[in-house]
PDB file of N, CA and C in Angstrom:
ATOM      1  N   UNK A   1     -32.338 -39.556  -3.812  1.00  0.00           N
ATOM      2  CA  UNK A   1     -33.696 -39.063  -3.648  1.00  0.00           C
ATOM      3  C   UNK A   1     -34.588 -39.499  -4.805  1.00  0.00           C
ATOM      4  N   UNK A   2     -34.019 -39.595  -5.985  1.00  0.00           N
ATOM      5  CA  UNK A   2     -34.812 -40.029  -7.128  1.00  0.00           C
ATOM      6  C   UNK A   2     -35.317 -41.453  -6.935  1.00  0.00           C
ATOM      7  N   UNK A   3     -34.465 -42.317  -6.414  1.00  0.00           N
ATOM      8  CA  UNK A   3     -34.870 -43.706  -6.174  1.00  0.00           C
ATOM      9  C   UNK A   3     -36.002 -43.771  -5.155  1.00  0.00           C
ATOM     10  N   UNK A   4     -35.931 -42.962  -4.122  1.00  0.00           N
ATOM     11  CA  UNK A   4     -36.985 -42.921  -3.107  1.00  0.00           C
ATOM     12  C   UNK A   4     -38.286 -42.391  -3.703  1.00  0.00           C
ATOM     13  N   UNK A   5     -38.201 -41.368  -4.521  1.00  0.00           N
ATOM     14  CA  UNK A   5     -39.400 -40.824  -5.170  1.00  0.00           C
ATOM     15  C   UNK A   5     -40.026 -41.864  -6.090  1.00  0.00           C
ATOM     16  N   UNK A   6     -39.211 -42.574  -6.830  1.00  0.00           N
ATOM     17  CA  UNK A   6     -39.717 -43.621  -7.729  1.00  0.00           C
ATOM     18  C   UNK A   6     -40.423 -44.718  -6.925  1.00  0.00           C
ATOM     19  N   UNK A   7     -39.831 -45.097  -5.800  1.00  0.00           N
ATOM     20  CA  UNK A   7     -40.437 -46.114  -4.945  1.00  0.00           C
ATOM     21  C   UNK A   7     -41.795 -45.641  -4.424  1.00  0.00           C
ATOM     22  N   UNK A   8     -41.867 -44.381  -4.022  1.00  0.00           N
ATOM     23  CA  UNK A   8     -43.120 -43.835  -3.510  1.00  0.00           C
ATOM     24  C   UNK A   8     -44.177 -43.760  -4.607  1.00  0.00           C
ATOM     25  N   UNK A   9     -43.791 -43.330  -5.807  1.00  0.00           N
ATOM     26  CA  UNK A   9     -44.706 -43.320  -6.956  1.00  0.00           C
ATOM     27  C   UNK A   9     -45.270 -44.712  -7.199  1.00  0.00           C
ATOM     28  N   UNK A  10     -44.379 -45.674  -7.254  1.00  0.00           N
ATOM     29  CA  UNK A  10     -44.783 -47.047  -7.543  1.00  0.00           C
ATOM     30  C   UNK A  10     -45.720 -47.579  -6.470  1.00  0.00           C
ATOM     31  N   UNK A  11     -45.421 -47.295  -5.233  1.00  0.00           N
ATOM     32  CA  UNK A  11     -46.261 -47.742  -4.130  1.00  0.00           C
ATOM     33  C   UNK A  11     -47.650 -47.108  -4.221  1.00  0.00           C
ATOM     34  N   UNK A  12     -47.709 -45.830  -4.508  1.00  0.00           N
ATOM     35  CA  UNK A  12     -48.999 -45.151  -4.645  1.00  0.00           C
ATOM     36  C   UNK A  12     -49.785 -45.708  -5.827  1.00  0.00           C
ATOM     37  N   UNK A  13     -49.113 -45.938  -6.928  1.00  0.00           N
ATOM     38  CA  UNK A  13     -49.779 -46.482  -8.106  1.00  0.00           C
ATOM     39  C   UNK A  13     -50.346 -47.865  -7.837  1.00  0.00           C
ATOM     40  N   UNK A  14     -49.615 -48.686  -7.135  1.00  0.00           N
ATOM     41  CA  UNK A  14     -50.094 -50.035  -6.841  1.00  0.00           C
ATOM     42  C   UNK A  14     -51.329 -49.991  -5.953  1.00  0.00           C
ATOM     43  N   UNK A  15     -51.319 -49.147  -4.948  1.00  0.00           N
ATOM     44  CA  UNK A  15     -52.473 -49.029  -4.058  1.00  0.00           C
ATOM     45  C   UNK A  15     -53.700 -48.507  -4.776  1.00  0.00           C
ATOM     46  N   UNK A  16     -53.524 -47.476  -5.577  1.00  0.00           N
ATOM     47  CA  UNK A  16     -54.651 -46.926  -6.328  1.00  0.00           C
ATOM     48  C   UNK A  16     -55.115 -47.898  -7.405  1.00  0.00           C
ATOM     49  N   UNK A  17     -54.193 -48.638  -7.980  1.00  0.00           N
ATOM     50  CA  UNK A  17     -54.551 -49.600  -9.017  1.00  0.00           C
ATOM     51  C   UNK A  17     -55.541 -50.630  -8.515  1.00  0.00           C
ATOM     52  N   UNK A  18     -55.368 -51.066  -7.288  1.00  0.00           N
ATOM     53  CA  UNK A  18     -56.311 -52.021  -6.704  1.00  0.00           C
ATOM     54  C   UNK A  18     -57.709 -51.417  -6.640  1.00  0.00           C
ATOM     55  N   UNK A  19     -57.798 -50.182  -6.217  1.00  0.00           N
ATOM     56  CA  UNK A  19     -59.103 -49.519  -6.136  1.00  0.00           C
ATOM     57  C   UNK A  19     -59.713 -49.338  -7.518  1.00  0.00           C
ATOM     58  N   UNK A  20     -58.904 -48.998  -8.506  1.00  0.00           N
ATOM     59  CA  UNK A  20     -59.420 -48.768  -9.856  1.00  0.00           C
ATOM     60  C   UNK A  20     -59.972 -50.046 -10.472  1.00  0.00           C
ATOM     61  N   UNK A  21     -59.369 -51.176 -10.156  1.00  0.00           N
ATOM     62  CA  UNK A  21     -59.830 -52.439 -10.743  1.00  0.00           C
ATOM     63  C   UNK A  21     -61.147 -52.900 -10.134  1.00  0.00           C
ATOM     64  N   UNK A  22     -61.453 -52.484  -8.921  1.00  0.00           N
ATOM     65  CA  UNK A  22     -62.625 -53.014  -8.235  1.00  0.00           C
ATOM     66  C   UNK A  22     -63.807 -52.058  -8.197  1.00  0.00           C
ATOM     67  N   UNK A  23     -63.660 -50.853  -8.686  1.00  0.00           N
ATOM     68  CA  UNK A  23     -64.747 -49.876  -8.641  1.00  0.00           C
ATOM     69  C   UNK A  23     -64.950 -49.228 -10.000  1.00  0.00           C
ATOM     70  N   UNK A  24     -66.180 -48.818 -10.234  1.00  0.00           N
ATOM     71  CA  UNK A  24     -66.472 -48.016 -11.416  1.00  0.00           C
ATOM     72  C   UNK A  24     -66.688 -46.588 -10.919  1.00  0.00           C
ATOM     73  N   UNK A  25     -65.851 -45.681 -11.361  1.00  0.00           N
ATOM     74  CA  UNK A  25     -65.907 -44.301 -10.899  1.00  0.00           C
ATOM     75  C   UNK A  25     -66.747 -43.478 -11.857  1.00  0.00           C
ATOM     76  N   UNK A  26     -67.766 -42.821 -11.326  1.00  0.00           N
ATOM     77  CA  UNK A  26     -68.673 -42.063 -12.175  1.00  0.00           C
ATOM     78  C   UNK A  26     -68.769 -40.602 -11.759  1.00  0.00           C
ATOM     79  N   UNK A  27     -67.761 -40.067 -11.146  1.00  0.00           N
ATOM     80  CA  UNK A  27     -67.761 -38.641 -10.860  1.00  0.00           C
ATOM     81  C   UNK A  27     -66.416 -38.051 -11.280  1.00  0.00           C
ATOM     82  N   UNK A  28     -66.488 -36.817 -11.695  1.00  0.00           N
ATOM     83  CA  UNK A  28     -65.363 -36.166 -12.364  1.00  0.00           C
ATOM     84  C   UNK A  28     -64.063 -36.175 -11.549  1.00  0.00           C
ATOM     85  N   UNK A  29     -64.053 -35.816 -10.260  1.00  0.00           N
ATOM     86  CA  UNK A  29     -62.770 -35.818  -9.544  1.00  0.00           C
ATOM     87  C   UNK A  29     -62.085 -37.185  -9.537  1.00  0.00           C
ATOM     88  N   UNK A  30     -62.839 -38.255  -9.383  1.00  0.00           N
ATOM     89  CA  UNK A  30     -62.231 -39.592  -9.390  1.00  0.00           C
ATOM     90  C   UNK A  30     -61.673 -39.920 -10.765  1.00  0.00           C
ATOM     91  N   UNK A  31     -62.387 -39.546 -11.801  1.00  0.00           N
ATOM     92  CA  UNK A  31     -61.908 -39.811 -13.155  1.00  0.00           C
ATOM     93  C   UNK A  31     -60.660 -38.991 -13.464  1.00  0.00           C
ATOM     94  N   UNK A  32     -60.607 -37.773 -12.954  1.00  0.00           N
ATOM     95  CA  UNK A  32     -59.390 -36.966 -13.120  1.00  0.00           C
ATOM     96  C   UNK A  32     -58.204 -37.623 -12.415  1.00  0.00           C
ATOM     97  N   UNK A  33     -58.450 -38.184 -11.241  1.00  0.00           N
ATOM     98  CA  UNK A  33     -57.391 -38.877 -10.514  1.00  0.00           C
ATOM     99  C   UNK A  33     -56.893 -40.075 -11.305  1.00  0.00           C
ATOM    100  N   UNK A  34     -57.823 -40.838 -11.875  1.00  0.00           N
ATOM    101  CA  UNK A  34     -57.440 -41.992 -12.686  1.00  0.00           C
ATOM    102  C   UNK A  34     -56.584 -41.533 -13.865  1.00  0.00           C
ATOM    103  N   UNK A  35     -57.009 -40.465 -14.510  1.00  0.00           N
ATOM    104  CA  UNK A  35     -56.245 -39.936 -15.637  1.00  0.00           C
ATOM    105  C   UNK A  35     -54.850 -39.490 -15.192  1.00  0.00           C
ATOM    106  N   UNK A  36     -54.764 -38.858 -14.033  1.00  0.00           N
ATOM    107  CA  UNK A  36     -53.462 -38.429 -13.511  1.00  0.00           C
ATOM    108  C   UNK A  36     -52.550 -39.619 -13.225  1.00  0.00           C
ATOM    109  N   UNK A  37     -53.118 -40.701 -12.709  1.00  0.00           N
ATOM    110  CA  UNK A  37     -52.302 -41.889 -12.479  1.00  0.00           C
ATOM    111  C   UNK A  37     -51.828 -42.491 -13.792  1.00  0.00           C
ATOM    112  N   UNK A  38     -52.645 -42.386 -14.816  1.00  0.00           N
ATOM    113  CA  UNK A  38     -52.211 -42.829 -16.139  1.00  0.00           C
ATOM    114  C   UNK A  38     -50.981 -42.031 -16.573  1.00  0.00           C
ATOM    115  N   UNK A  39     -51.016 -40.729 -16.336  1.00  0.00           N
ATOM    116  CA  UNK A  39     -49.864 -39.887 -16.674  1.00  0.00           C
ATOM    117  C   UNK A  39     -48.621 -40.299 -15.881  1.00  0.00           C
ATOM    118  N   UNK A  40     -48.805 -40.632 -14.608  1.00  0.00           N
ATOM    119  CA  UNK A  40     -47.668 -41.071 -13.794  1.00  0.00           C
ATOM    120  C   UNK A  40     -47.069 -42.363 -14.331  1.00  0.00           C
ATOM    121  N   UNK A  41     -47.926 -43.320 -14.676  1.00  0.00           N
ATOM    122  CA  UNK A  41     -47.418 -44.571 -15.250  1.00  0.00           C
ATOM    123  C   UNK A  41     -46.624 -44.283 -16.516  1.00  0.00           C
ATOM    124  N   UNK A  42     -47.132 -43.381 -17.314  1.00  0.00           N
ATOM    125  CA  UNK A  42     -46.438 -43.038 -18.551  1.00  0.00           C
ATOM    126  C   UNK A  42     -45.056 -42.449 -18.256  1.00  0.00           C
ATOM    127  N   UNK A  43     -44.990 -41.588 -17.253  1.00  0.00           N
ATOM    128  CA  UNK A  43     -43.717 -40.950 -16.913  1.00  0.00           C
ATOM    129  C   UNK A  43     -42.686 -41.927 -16.369  1.00  0.00           C
ATOM    130  N   UNK A  44     -43.143 -43.005 -15.750  1.00  0.00           N
ATOM    131  CA  UNK A  44     -42.178 -43.983 -15.232  1.00  0.00           C
ATOM    132  C   UNK A  44     -42.006 -45.148 -16.211  1.00  0.00           C
ATOM    133  N   UNK A  45     -42.332 -44.873 -17.476  1.00  0.00           N
ATOM    134  CA  UNK A  45     -42.062 -45.802 -18.584  1.00  0.00           C
ATOM    135  C   UNK A  45     -42.873 -47.094 -18.515  1.00  0.00           C
ATOM    136  N   UNK A  46     -44.089 -46.999 -18.003  1.00  0.00           N
ATOM    137  CA  UNK A  46     -44.986 -48.162 -18.003  1.00  0.00           C
ATOM    138  C   UNK A  46     -46.160 -47.843 -18.921  1.00  0.00           C
ATOM    139  N   UNK A  47     -45.847 -47.722 -20.199  1.00  0.00           N
ATOM    140  CA  UNK A  47     -46.805 -47.248 -21.206  1.00  0.00           C
ATOM    141  C   UNK A  47     -48.032 -48.150 -21.332  1.00  0.00           C
ATOM    142  N   UNK A  48     -47.860 -49.470 -21.291  1.00  0.00           N
ATOM    143  CA  UNK A  48     -49.009 -50.360 -21.431  1.00  0.00           C
ATOM    144  C   UNK A  48     -49.992 -50.182 -20.286  1.00  0.00           C
ATOM    145  N   UNK A  49     -49.481 -50.089 -19.064  1.00  0.00           N
ATOM    146  CA  UNK A  49     -50.330 -49.877 -17.895  1.00  0.00           C
ATOM    147  C   UNK A  49     -51.005 -48.511 -17.988  1.00  0.00           C
ATOM    148  N   UNK A  50     -50.278 -47.506 -18.430  1.00  0.00           N
ATOM    149  CA  UNK A  50     -50.839 -46.165 -18.595  1.00  0.00           C
ATOM    150  C   UNK A  50     -51.998 -46.192 -19.579  1.00  0.00           C
ATOM    151  N   UNK A  51     -51.833 -46.912 -20.671  1.00  0.00           N
ATOM    152  CA  UNK A  51     -52.881 -46.985 -21.691  1.00  0.00           C
ATOM    153  C   UNK A  51     -54.140 -47.641 -21.137  1.00  0.00           C
ATOM    154  N   UNK A  52     -53.989 -48.724 -20.391  1.00  0.00           N
ATOM    155  CA  UNK A  52     -55.142 -49.418 -19.807  1.00  0.00           C
ATOM    156  C   UNK A  52     -55.912 -48.490 -18.874  1.00  0.00           C
ATOM    157  N   UNK A  53     -55.198 -47.796 -18.002  1.00  0.00           N
ATOM    158  CA  UNK A  53     -55.848 -46.902 -17.041  1.00  0.00           C
ATOM    159  C   UNK A  53     -56.499 -45.729 -17.763  1.00  0.00           C
ATOM    160  N   UNK A  54     -55.813 -45.169 -18.748  1.00  0.00           N
ATOM    161  CA  UNK A  54     -56.355 -44.034 -19.492  1.00  0.00           C
ATOM    162  C   UNK A  54     -57.641 -44.425 -20.216  1.00  0.00           C
ATOM    163  N   UNK A  55     -57.664 -45.597 -20.822  1.00  0.00           N
ATOM    164  CA  UNK A  55     -58.869 -46.052 -21.524  1.00  0.00           C
ATOM    165  C   UNK A  55     -60.017 -46.229 -20.540  1.00  0.00           C
ATOM    166  N   UNK A  56     -59.734 -46.749 -19.352  1.00  0.00           N
ATOM    167  CA  UNK A  56     -60.779 -46.895 -18.340  1.00  0.00           C
ATOM    168  C   UNK A  56     -61.348 -45.529 -17.962  1.00  0.00           C
ATOM    169  N   UNK A  57     -60.484 -44.562 -17.734  1.00  0.00           N
ATOM    170  CA  UNK A  57     -60.952 -43.217 -17.387  1.00  0.00           C
ATOM    171  C   UNK A  57     -61.764 -42.624 -18.527  1.00  0.00           C
ATOM    172  N   UNK A  58     -61.267 -42.746 -19.740  1.00  0.00           N
ATOM    173  CA  UNK A  58     -61.957 -42.189 -20.901  1.00  0.00           C
ATOM    174  C   UNK A  58     -63.318 -42.846 -21.097  1.00  0.00           C
ATOM    175  N   UNK A  59     -63.394 -44.148 -20.943  1.00  0.00           N
ATOM    176  CA  UNK A  59     -64.662 -44.867 -21.082  1.00  0.00           C
ATOM    177  C   UNK A  59     -65.675 -44.373 -20.064  1.00  0.00           C
ATOM    178  N   UNK A  60     -65.232 -44.170 -18.828  1.00  0.00           N
ATOM    179  CA  UNK A  60     -66.150 -43.691 -17.798  1.00  0.00           C
ATOM    180  C   UNK A  60     -66.537 -42.238 -18.015  1.00  0.00           C
ATOM    181  N   UNK A  61     -65.645 -41.408 -18.577  1.00  0.00           N
ATOM    182  CA  UNK A  61     -66.016 -40.040 -18.923  1.00  0.00           C
ATOM    183  C   UNK A  61     -67.145 -40.056 -19.947  1.00  0.00           C
ATOM    184  N   UNK A  62     -67.043 -40.944 -20.919  1.00  0.00           N
ATOM    185  CA  UNK A  62     -68.045 -41.024 -21.982  1.00  0.00           C
ATOM    186  C   UNK A  62     -69.395 -41.432 -21.421  1.00  0.00           C
ATOM    187  N   UNK A  63     -69.422 -42.295 -20.386  1.00  0.00           N
ATOM    188  CA  UNK A  63     -70.695 -42.766 -19.849  1.00  0.00           C
ATOM    189  C   UNK A  63     -71.373 -41.742 -18.955  1.00  0.00           C
ATOM    190  N   UNK A  64     -70.685 -40.682 -18.574  1.00  0.00           N
ATOM    191  CA  UNK A  64     -71.308 -39.669 -17.707  1.00  0.00           C
ATOM    192  C   UNK A  64     -72.342 -38.880 -18.426  1.00  0.00           C
TER     193      UNK A  64
END
């Protein structure tokens, strides 16, 4: 079950990652989602990807 959960996490992250790269999110719920995905990347040991996403969310929070 852990392998299946990891696969599902990865699949969700990849799909959302495409959306994050092509849009600038300027409302709080979307930025919270981006931050949550950063946390997920961190939990699955993809620290560099987590940092990139977290910085994007933080930058957009600052511009609000």
